[in-house]
Amino acid sequence: MGRLEGKVALITGAGSGMGRAATQRFVREGACVVAADINGEAVDQTVSGTDGKAVAVAGDVTKEADVARFVKTASDRFGRLDVLYNNAGIFDEADESVLTTSDAIWDRTMAINVKGLAFCCKHGIPELIKAGGGSVINIASFVALVGCTVPQDAYTASKGAVIALTKSLAVQFGPKHVRANAICPGPIETPLMRDLLKDEAKKRVRLNRIPMGRFGQADDVVSLAVFLASDESTWTNGAALVVDGGITSNYF
């Protein structure tokens, strides 16, 4: 029996990278999954081969009606919702210092990374409460915890907001048996990261900061998410858990 047997999860940003890995791992662990992504074709590929244990829904987390539909799909298709896995997020390669980052990048980054997550919580948490409790898993980032000489200020600010919101959720809904935790990954080798690090010099600079000597893999993050989604973590609430190969501990 899998560690998530009988659980129903909604995973956003499930069309690629960590979201795709999470969907497929959750199914292997026994969960049923609503996999949501703005790219309908990509999320269809994510759920192929899951024998109906995962269902794909296309939509935009910044549109509240789409998010409400994601949540309704969980209750209609699987009868409940136990896990809300807020993975959808963006980093724009033109996101740099506050001195240079455009208004449009600020608006898009905050809309997807913060407001989209808040919409998922607005509609998903009542379903977790209805199920008798559950787990909210928010994907933040190690950059919310340390400064960076190569700034990405809109993304950094958005992920700091994710951690702050996670703690507020933990306090608000803990009494209703809903726990909320944030995962703060270091650099993970996803398609997005590979595109950003095509420049070998930029790649080497980042690798030199990681004591483990490698970028993370999606499964490094998803393994922690499985713990947070499972009943093994029923007293883990309000935490910002770092999975970064030691990068935030590295002084030089």
Protein backbone atom coordinates (compact mmCIF):
# COMPACT_ATOMS: atom_id res chain seq x y z
CA MET A 1 0.00 0.00 0.00
CA GLY A 2 1.28 3.46 -0.93
CA ARG A 3 1.86 6.25 1.56
CA LEU A 4 -0.97 8.31 0.03
CA GLU A 5 -3.56 5.55 -0.33
CA GLY A 6 -7.08 7.04 -0.32
CA LYS A 7 -5.89 10.65 -0.62
CA VAL A 8 -7.16 13.07 -3.27
CA ALA A 9 -4.80 15.86 -4.33
CA LEU A 10 -5.02 18.93 -6.54
CA ILE A 11 -1.63 19.75 -8.08
CA THR A 12 -1.19 22.98 -10.06
CA GLY A 13 1.53 23.56 -12.63
CA ALA A 14 1.29 19.85 -13.42
CA GLY A 15 2.14 20.11 -17.10
CA SER A 16 5.90 19.82 -16.67
CA GLY A 17 8.83 19.78 -14.25
CA MET A 18 8.09 19.31 -10.56
CA GLY A 19 4.33 19.34 -11.11
CA ARG A 20 4.46 16.48 -13.58
CA ALA A 21 6.82 14.51 -11.33
CA ALA A 22 4.56 15.15 -8.34
CA THR A 23 1.43 13.99 -10.16
CA GLN A 24 3.00 10.75 -11.29
CA ARG A 25 4.65 10.05 -7.91
CA PHE A 26 1.43 10.76 -5.99
CA VAL A 27 -0.43 8.28 -8.20
CA ARG A 28 2.27 5.64 -7.57
CA GLU A 29 1.84 6.29 -3.83
CA GLY A 30 -1.90 5.55 -4.09
CA ALA A 31 -3.45 9.02 -4.45
CA CYS A 32 -6.00 10.24 -6.94
CA VAL A 33 -4.93 13.54 -8.52
CA VAL A 34 -6.49 16.48 -10.30
CA ALA A 35 -3.59 17.76 -12.40
CA ALA A 36 -4.03 21.39 -13.46
CA ASP A 37 -2.00 23.46 -15.88
CA ILE A 38 -2.48 26.33 -18.31
CA ASN A 39 -1.10 24.07 -21.06
CA GLY A 40 -3.84 21.54 -21.73
CA GLU A 41 -1.79 19.38 -24.07
CA ALA A 42 1.10 19.13 -21.61
CA VAL A 43 -1.09 18.20 -18.66
CA ASP A 44 -2.87 15.58 -20.78
CA GLN A 45 0.56 14.01 -21.30
CA THR A 46 1.20 14.14 -17.54
CA VAL A 47 -1.86 12.02 -16.73
CA SER A 48 -1.51 9.55 -19.60
CA GLY A 49 -0.87 6.08 -18.31
CA THR A 50 -2.34 6.70 -14.85
CA ASP A 51 -5.40 4.50 -15.52
CA GLY A 52 -7.83 7.23 -14.48
CA LYS A 53 -6.15 7.85 -11.12
CA ALA A 54 -5.22 11.32 -12.38
CA VAL A 55 -7.44 13.65 -14.39
CA ALA A 56 -6.19 16.65 -16.36
CA VAL A 57 -7.80 20.09 -16.24
CA ALA A 58 -6.64 23.10 -18.23
CA GLY A 59 -6.89 26.61 -16.85
CA ASP A 60 -5.15 29.65 -15.44
CA VAL A 61 -4.52 29.99 -11.69
CA THR A 62 -4.84 33.77 -11.98
CA LYS A 63 -8.49 33.34 -13.03
CA GLU A 64 -10.61 32.57 -9.99
CA ALA A 65 -13.31 30.81 -12.02
CA ASP A 66 -10.72 28.40 -13.41
CA VAL A 67 -9.41 27.64 -9.92
CA ALA A 68 -12.95 27.02 -8.65
CA ARG A 69 -13.35 24.55 -11.53
CA PHE A 70 -10.14 22.73 -10.57
CA VAL A 71 -11.45 22.22 -7.03
CA LYS A 72 -14.92 21.22 -8.22
CA THR A 73 -13.34 18.61 -10.48
CA ALA A 74 -11.76 16.98 -7.42
CA SER A 75 -15.05 16.76 -5.53
CA ASP A 76 -17.06 15.72 -8.60
CA ARG A 77 -14.60 13.11 -9.84
CA PHE A 78 -13.17 11.73 -6.59
CA GLY A 79 -15.64 12.86 -3.91
CA ARG A 80 -13.27 14.86 -1.70
CA LEU A 81 -10.02 16.85 -1.50
CA ASP A 82 -7.25 16.07 1.01
CA VAL A 83 -4.16 17.75 -0.42
CA LEU A 84 -3.70 21.13 -2.07
CA TYR A 85 -0.30 21.24 -3.79
CA ASN A 86 0.35 24.79 -5.01
CA ASN A 87 3.19 24.26 -7.45
CA ALA A 88 2.31 26.63 -10.32
CA GLY A 89 4.78 29.47 -10.62
CA ILE A 90 6.93 31.43 -13.04
CA PHE A 91 10.32 33.07 -13.20
CA ASP A 92 10.84 35.52 -16.08
CA GLU A 93 14.43 35.68 -17.33
CA ALA A 94 14.06 39.48 -17.59
CA ASP A 95 13.31 39.57 -13.84
CA GLU A 96 16.36 41.29 -12.39
CA SER A 97 16.93 44.12 -9.92
CA VAL A 98 14.16 46.41 -8.71
CA LEU A 99 16.03 49.06 -10.68
CA THR A 100 15.38 47.38 -14.01
CA THR A 101 12.44 44.95 -13.69
CA SER A 102 9.40 46.15 -15.59
CA ASP A 103 5.92 46.75 -14.26
CA ALA A 104 4.56 43.98 -16.49
CA ILE A 105 6.96 41.40 -15.03
CA TRP A 106 6.07 42.43 -11.47
CA ASP A 107 2.35 42.12 -12.21
CA ARG A 108 2.59 38.73 -13.95
CA THR A 109 4.95 37.24 -11.36
CA MET A 110 2.86 38.31 -8.38
CA ALA A 111 -0.38 37.29 -10.11
CA ILE A 112 0.74 33.73 -10.75
CA ASN A 113 3.03 33.08 -7.79
CA VAL A 114 0.95 34.75 -5.07
CA LYS A 115 -2.58 35.58 -6.17
CA GLY A 116 -2.97 32.28 -8.02
CA LEU A 117 -1.88 30.39 -4.92
CA ALA A 118 -4.30 32.43 -2.80
CA PHE A 119 -7.18 31.58 -5.15
CA CYS A 120 -6.32 27.88 -4.82
CA CYS A 121 -6.39 28.22 -1.04
CA LYS A 122 -9.64 30.22 -1.11
CA HIS A 123 -11.44 27.45 -2.97
CA GLY A 124 -9.46 24.42 -1.84
CA ILE A 125 -9.22 24.87 1.92
CA PRO A 126 -13.01 24.69 2.49
CA GLU A 127 -12.91 21.27 0.79
CA LEU A 128 -10.04 20.14 3.02
CA ILE A 129 -12.07 21.21 6.06
CA LYS A 130 -15.09 19.35 4.71
CA ALA A 131 -12.92 16.21 4.39
CA GLY A 132 -12.00 16.47 8.09
CA GLY A 133 -8.61 18.11 7.53
CA GLY A 134 -5.73 17.92 5.12
CA SER A 135 -2.50 19.37 3.85
CA VAL A 136 -1.63 22.54 1.96
CA ILE A 137 1.79 22.35 0.29
CA ASN A 138 3.11 25.62 -1.13
CA ILE A 139 6.20 25.78 -3.31
CA ALA A 140 8.33 28.75 -2.25
CA SER A 141 12.08 29.01 -2.94
CA PHE A 142 15.44 29.23 -1.20
CA VAL A 143 15.81 32.73 -2.71
CA ALA A 144 13.18 33.95 -0.25
CA LEU A 145 15.62 33.18 2.58
CA VAL A 146 18.92 34.63 1.32
CA GLY A 147 20.07 37.53 -0.81
CA CYS A 148 21.55 36.99 -4.26
CA THR A 149 24.22 38.91 -6.15
CA VAL A 150 22.34 38.01 -9.35
CA PRO A 151 18.97 39.46 -8.32
CA GLN A 152 15.55 38.25 -9.44
CA ASP A 153 13.60 40.61 -7.26
CA ALA A 154 10.01 40.03 -8.40
CA TYR A 155 10.40 36.26 -8.07
CA THR A 156 12.19 36.61 -4.73
CA ALA A 157 9.50 38.91 -3.34
CA SER A 158 6.74 36.59 -4.55
CA LYS A 159 8.30 33.57 -2.87
CA GLY A 160 8.79 35.52 0.36
CA ALA A 161 5.08 36.25 0.20
CA VAL A 162 4.38 32.52 -0.21
CA ILE A 163 6.23 31.74 3.03
CA ALA A 164 4.43 34.53 4.91
CA LEU A 165 1.04 33.42 3.60
CA THR A 166 1.83 29.81 4.50
CA LYS A 167 2.40 30.77 8.12
CA SER A 168 -0.86 32.72 8.21
CA LEU A 169 -2.73 29.71 6.80
CA ALA A 170 -1.10 27.42 9.35
CA VAL A 171 -2.37 29.53 12.23
CA GLN A 172 -5.83 30.17 10.76
CA PHE A 173 -6.67 26.63 9.78
CA GLY A 174 -4.61 24.45 12.11
CA PRO A 175 -7.54 24.32 14.55
CA LYS A 176 -9.59 22.81 11.70
CA HIS A 177 -6.95 20.10 11.13
CA VAL A 178 -5.61 21.74 7.99
CA ARG A 179 -1.84 22.10 8.09
CA ALA A 180 0.06 24.39 5.71
CA ASN A 181 3.75 24.15 4.91
CA ALA A 182 6.12 25.65 2.35
CA ILE A 183 8.89 23.84 0.51
CA CYS A 184 11.88 26.03 -0.42
CA PRO A 185 13.76 24.26 -3.22
CA GLY A 186 17.22 25.23 -4.35
CA PRO A 187 17.98 25.20 -8.09
CA ILE A 188 16.12 22.24 -9.58
CA GLU A 189 16.90 20.80 -13.01
CA THR A 190 13.57 21.39 -14.70
CA PRO A 191 13.02 22.46 -18.34
CA LEU A 192 12.69 26.05 -17.07
CA MET A 193 16.04 25.86 -15.24
CA ARG A 194 17.80 24.26 -18.20
CA ASP A 195 16.60 27.08 -20.46
CA LEU A 196 17.87 29.69 -17.99
CA LEU A 197 21.27 28.03 -17.61
CA LYS A 198 22.20 27.39 -21.23
CA ASP A 199 25.11 29.75 -20.55
CA GLU A 200 27.83 27.47 -19.13
CA ALA A 201 29.45 30.29 -17.14
CA LYS A 202 26.17 31.10 -15.37
CA LYS A 203 25.63 27.40 -14.73
CA ARG A 204 29.10 26.98 -13.20
CA VAL A 205 28.65 29.98 -10.89
CA ARG A 206 25.51 28.41 -9.44
CA LEU A 207 26.98 24.91 -9.16
CA ASN A 208 29.96 26.28 -7.25
CA ARG A 209 27.58 27.48 -4.51
CA ILE A 210 26.01 24.06 -3.93
CA PRO A 211 27.96 21.88 -1.45
CA MET A 212 26.45 18.70 -2.89
CA GLY A 213 27.92 19.62 -6.28
CA ARG A 214 24.78 19.14 -8.33
CA PHE A 215 21.46 20.75 -9.08
CA GLY A 216 18.42 19.20 -7.48
CA GLN A 217 16.08 16.84 -9.29
CA ALA A 218 12.31 17.13 -9.23
CA ASP A 219 12.06 13.97 -7.11
CA ASP A 220 14.20 15.59 -4.40
CA VAL A 221 11.34 18.02 -3.83
CA VAL A 222 8.50 15.61 -4.50
CA SER A 223 9.78 13.16 -1.87
CA LEU A 224 9.32 15.86 0.76
CA ALA A 225 5.89 16.69 -0.66
CA VAL A 226 4.85 13.04 -0.26
CA PHE A 227 5.75 13.27 3.42
CA LEU A 228 3.76 16.50 3.81
CA ALA A 229 0.76 15.04 1.99
CA SER A 230 0.79 11.87 4.08
CA ASP A 231 -0.44 11.20 7.60
CA GLU A 232 3.22 11.02 8.66
CA SER A 233 3.28 14.82 8.87
CA THR A 234 0.16 15.54 10.90
CA TRP A 235 2.09 17.69 13.39
CA THR A 236 4.17 19.54 10.79
CA ASN A 237 2.51 22.92 10.37
CA GLY A 238 3.73 26.38 9.39
CA ALA A 239 7.21 25.21 8.37
CA ALA A 240 9.41 26.51 5.56
CA LEU A 241 11.41 23.40 4.68
CA VAL A 242 14.58 23.87 2.66
CA VAL A 243 15.64 21.30 0.02
CA ASP A 244 18.71 22.88 -1.56
CA GLY A 245 21.79 20.66 -1.28
CA GLY A 246 23.16 23.04 1.35
CA ILE A 247 23.23 26.20 -0.75
CA THR A 248 21.66 28.41 1.94
CA SER A 249 24.26 27.18 4.45
CA ASN A 250 27.22 28.09 2.25
CA TYR A 251 29.04 31.22 3.40
CA PHE A 252 31.60 31.20 0.56
